[in-house]
Amino acid sequence: MIARLAGTLAELSADSAVIDVRGVGYLVLASGRTLSALPPVGGDVILLTELQVREDSMTLFAFGAAAEREAFRQLTSVQGVGGKVALAILTILSPDELARAVSAGDKAMIARASGVGPKLAQRIALELQGKLGLAPALGPGTPAAANPATNDALSALANLGFKPAEAAKAVAAAAEELGPDASLDALVRSALKKAAR
């Protein structure tokens, strides 16, 4: 099972990327949200992954944050939702927005994704009810857990090449200092200062 890739961004397209890990190029499919957060080609990246094995293919999906990967796993547990449809949903809705749409039964919000009709949106809203209390990447009980921007800040630091543990420590310290209403920009700036110490 491939759970994570750390390497260099070799290629980027509308729905996929190739990550060069010590000379081996891994083709990953990702949401528009994750792809837009990647550095230019040649930059260092760290992505969480999920490998789907089918009878006729193996597909590697990539995510910038743990919450996005968990939302993907929940979405693909719904009958009729494959990996590409799950990515389409996660392109238009962040994991938090998806959780809110599901808990509110907002089928129209879910149906905005490409390839999701009203019936499938309704099935997603029904089957995922109560399952999308997505754990914040820093874990419950940390001050940062209250701020949804912490996952994006972690992803930003990971994309800058920080190891997950040092990124989590810096973001947690920044969130504790700035409080639950801190913006993503402020969190990242503060975390970078703390990581540089």
Protein backbone atom coordinates (compact mmCIF):
# COMPACT_ATOMS: atom_id res chain seq x y z
CA MET A 1 0.00 0.00 0.00
CA ILE A 2 1.40 3.39 -1.00
CA ALA A 3 0.32 5.89 1.66
CA ARG A 4 2.51 8.88 0.86
CA LEU A 5 4.84 10.26 -1.81
CA ALA A 6 7.66 12.76 -1.30
CA GLY A 7 9.49 13.85 -4.41
CA THR A 8 9.66 16.35 -7.25
CA LEU A 9 6.74 17.48 -9.37
CA ALA A 10 7.66 16.25 -12.87
CA GLU A 11 4.40 16.90 -14.79
CA LEU A 12 1.08 18.58 -14.14
CA SER A 13 -2.21 18.33 -16.07
CA ALA A 14 -5.84 19.31 -15.46
CA ASP A 15 -6.61 16.21 -13.37
CA SER A 16 -3.29 14.54 -12.61
CA ALA A 17 0.38 14.96 -11.78
CA VAL A 18 3.54 12.90 -12.07
CA ILE A 19 5.69 12.84 -8.94
CA ASP A 20 9.31 11.80 -9.44
CA VAL A 21 10.47 9.83 -6.40
CA ARG A 22 14.17 9.00 -6.85
CA GLY A 23 13.83 8.38 -10.56
CA VAL A 24 10.46 6.61 -10.50
CA GLY A 25 7.52 8.64 -11.83
CA TYR A 26 4.20 8.06 -10.04
CA LEU A 27 1.09 9.17 -11.92
CA VAL A 28 -1.45 10.44 -9.38
CA LEU A 29 -5.01 11.66 -9.88
CA ALA A 30 -6.00 14.54 -7.60
CA SER A 31 -8.72 17.10 -6.99
CA GLY A 32 -8.43 20.51 -8.59
CA ARG A 33 -7.98 21.87 -5.06
CA THR A 34 -4.89 19.71 -4.43
CA LEU A 35 -3.42 20.28 -7.90
CA SER A 36 -3.78 24.06 -7.64
CA ALA A 37 -1.85 24.03 -4.36
CA LEU A 38 1.17 22.27 -5.91
CA PRO A 39 4.36 24.23 -6.64
CA PRO A 40 5.57 24.76 -10.23
CA VAL A 41 7.08 21.77 -12.08
CA GLY A 42 10.45 20.99 -10.53
CA GLY A 43 9.28 21.87 -7.01
CA ASP A 44 9.32 19.49 -4.06
CA VAL A 45 6.01 17.93 -3.02
CA ILE A 46 4.68 15.68 -0.27
CA LEU A 47 1.29 14.10 -0.95
CA LEU A 48 -0.83 11.59 0.93
CA THR A 49 -2.11 8.83 -1.32
CA GLU A 50 -4.75 6.14 -1.65
CA LEU A 51 -4.18 3.18 -3.99
CA GLN A 52 -7.27 1.67 -5.63
CA VAL A 53 -6.82 -1.76 -7.16
CA ARG A 54 -9.38 -2.94 -9.70
CA GLU A 55 -9.48 -6.06 -11.83
CA ASP A 56 -8.02 -4.22 -14.81
CA SER A 57 -6.15 -1.27 -13.26
CA MET A 58 -4.32 0.26 -10.32
CA THR A 59 -4.93 3.96 -9.70
CA LEU A 60 -3.09 6.19 -7.26
CA PHE A 61 -5.07 9.14 -5.88
CA ALA A 62 -3.26 12.00 -4.12
CA PHE A 63 -4.29 14.51 -1.45
CA GLY A 64 -2.77 17.59 0.11
CA ALA A 65 -4.31 16.96 3.54
CA ALA A 66 -5.44 14.03 5.69
CA ALA A 67 -8.99 15.42 5.88
CA GLU A 68 -9.31 15.33 2.09
CA ARG A 69 -8.10 11.71 1.95
CA GLU A 70 -10.58 10.70 4.67
CA ALA A 71 -13.44 12.44 2.82
CA PHE A 72 -12.38 10.59 -0.36
CA ARG A 73 -12.48 7.25 1.48
CA GLN A 74 -15.96 7.99 2.81
CA LEU A 75 -17.23 9.15 -0.60
CA THR A 76 -15.92 6.05 -2.40
CA SER A 77 -17.69 3.84 0.16
CA VAL A 78 -21.00 5.04 -1.35
CA GLN A 79 -22.30 2.81 -4.16
CA GLY A 80 -21.93 4.58 -7.51
CA VAL A 81 -19.13 6.91 -6.36
CA GLY A 82 -15.82 6.00 -7.98
CA GLY A 83 -12.50 7.71 -7.44
CA LYS A 84 -12.96 10.24 -10.25
CA VAL A 85 -16.43 11.29 -9.05
CA ALA A 86 -15.10 11.63 -5.48
CA LEU A 87 -12.31 13.91 -6.79
CA ALA A 88 -14.87 15.96 -8.75
CA ILE A 89 -16.81 16.50 -5.51
CA LEU A 90 -13.64 17.40 -3.58
CA THR A 91 -12.68 19.86 -6.32
CA ILE A 92 -15.78 21.97 -5.66
CA LEU A 93 -16.22 21.27 -1.92
CA SER A 94 -13.56 21.21 0.79
CA PRO A 95 -13.92 18.36 3.32
CA ASP A 96 -15.52 20.81 5.78
CA GLU A 97 -17.97 22.12 3.15
CA LEU A 98 -18.84 18.53 2.19
CA ALA A 99 -19.46 17.62 5.85
CA ARG A 100 -21.74 20.66 6.23
CA ALA A 101 -23.62 19.85 2.99
CA VAL A 102 -24.14 16.23 4.09
CA SER A 103 -25.28 17.13 7.62
CA ALA A 104 -27.70 19.72 6.20
CA GLY A 105 -28.92 17.27 3.53
CA ASP A 106 -27.97 19.86 0.88
CA LYS A 107 -28.21 17.65 -2.22
CA ALA A 108 -28.01 20.64 -4.59
CA MET A 109 -24.58 21.59 -3.20
CA ILE A 110 -23.25 18.04 -3.74
CA ALA A 111 -24.84 17.81 -7.21
CA ARG A 112 -22.75 20.80 -8.39
CA ALA A 113 -19.88 18.37 -8.99
CA SER A 114 -19.33 17.04 -12.49
CA GLY A 115 -20.83 13.56 -12.90
CA VAL A 116 -23.12 13.82 -9.85
CA GLY A 117 -26.83 13.73 -10.61
CA PRO A 118 -29.66 14.42 -8.14
CA LYS A 119 -30.14 10.71 -7.25
CA LEU A 120 -26.44 10.15 -6.54
CA ALA A 121 -26.27 13.39 -4.54
CA GLN A 122 -29.21 12.20 -2.45
CA ARG A 123 -27.55 8.81 -1.85
CA ILE A 124 -24.31 10.53 -0.76
CA ALA A 125 -26.20 12.84 1.62
CA LEU A 126 -28.10 9.89 3.14
CA GLU A 127 -25.27 7.34 3.40
CA LEU A 128 -22.64 9.73 4.76
CA GLN A 129 -24.94 11.23 7.39
CA GLY A 130 -22.94 11.23 10.65
CA LYS A 131 -19.78 9.80 9.02
CA LEU A 132 -18.04 13.02 8.02
CA GLY A 133 -17.01 14.39 11.40
CA LEU A 134 -13.61 14.72 9.77
CA ALA A 135 -10.77 14.54 12.25
CA PRO A 136 -8.53 17.60 12.05
CA ALA A 137 -5.03 16.72 10.92
CA LEU A 138 -3.59 17.86 14.26
CA GLY A 139 -5.86 15.59 16.29
CA PRO A 140 -8.61 16.47 18.74
CA GLY A 141 -7.80 18.51 21.81
CA THR A 142 -5.20 20.73 20.17
CA PRO A 143 -6.09 24.43 20.02
CA ALA A 144 -5.57 24.29 16.26
CA ALA A 145 -8.33 21.71 15.84
CA ALA A 146 -10.95 24.45 16.19
CA ASN A 147 -9.66 26.29 13.11
CA PRO A 148 -10.50 24.70 9.73
CA ALA A 149 -7.57 26.61 8.13
CA THR A 150 -5.06 24.42 10.01
CA ASN A 151 -5.37 21.55 7.51
CA ASP A 152 -4.66 23.94 4.63
CA ALA A 153 -1.72 25.42 6.55
CA LEU A 154 -0.32 21.90 7.11
CA SER A 155 -0.70 21.20 3.41
CA ALA A 156 1.08 24.45 2.52
CA LEU A 157 4.04 23.63 4.76
CA ALA A 158 4.18 20.06 3.42
CA ASN A 159 4.30 21.47 -0.13
CA LEU A 160 7.21 23.67 0.95
CA GLY A 161 9.11 20.53 1.94
CA PHE A 162 8.58 20.40 5.70
CA LYS A 163 8.31 16.96 7.29
CA PRO A 164 4.75 16.19 8.55
CA ALA A 165 5.83 16.18 12.22
CA GLU A 166 7.63 19.54 12.04
CA ALA A 167 4.81 21.07 9.98
CA ALA A 168 2.21 19.87 12.54
CA LYS A 169 4.25 21.24 15.45
CA ALA A 170 4.75 24.65 13.79
CA VAL A 171 1.08 24.96 12.74
CA ALA A 172 -0.13 23.91 16.21
CA ALA A 173 2.09 26.54 17.83
CA ALA A 174 0.90 29.19 15.35
CA ALA A 175 -2.77 28.29 15.89
CA GLU A 176 -2.36 28.38 19.67
CA GLU A 177 -0.81 31.84 19.46
CA LEU A 178 -3.27 33.28 16.88
CA GLY A 179 -6.49 31.65 18.10
CA PRO A 180 -9.31 29.79 16.29
CA ASP A 181 -10.20 32.68 13.96
CA ALA A 182 -6.74 33.08 12.39
CA SER A 183 -6.67 33.28 8.59
CA LEU A 184 -4.79 30.73 6.50
CA ASP A 185 -2.29 33.42 5.45
CA ALA A 186 -1.56 34.40 9.08
CA LEU A 187 -1.25 30.76 10.16
CA VAL A 188 1.22 29.92 7.40
CA ARG A 189 3.35 33.02 8.04
CA SER A 190 3.48 32.39 11.77
CA ALA A 191 4.16 28.64 11.29
CA LEU A 192 7.04 29.39 8.91
CA LYS A 193 8.63 31.71 11.49
CA LYS A 194 8.25 29.08 14.19
CA ALA A 195 9.64 26.30 11.98
CA ALA A 196 12.66 28.46 11.10
CA ARG A 197 13.65 28.91 14.78
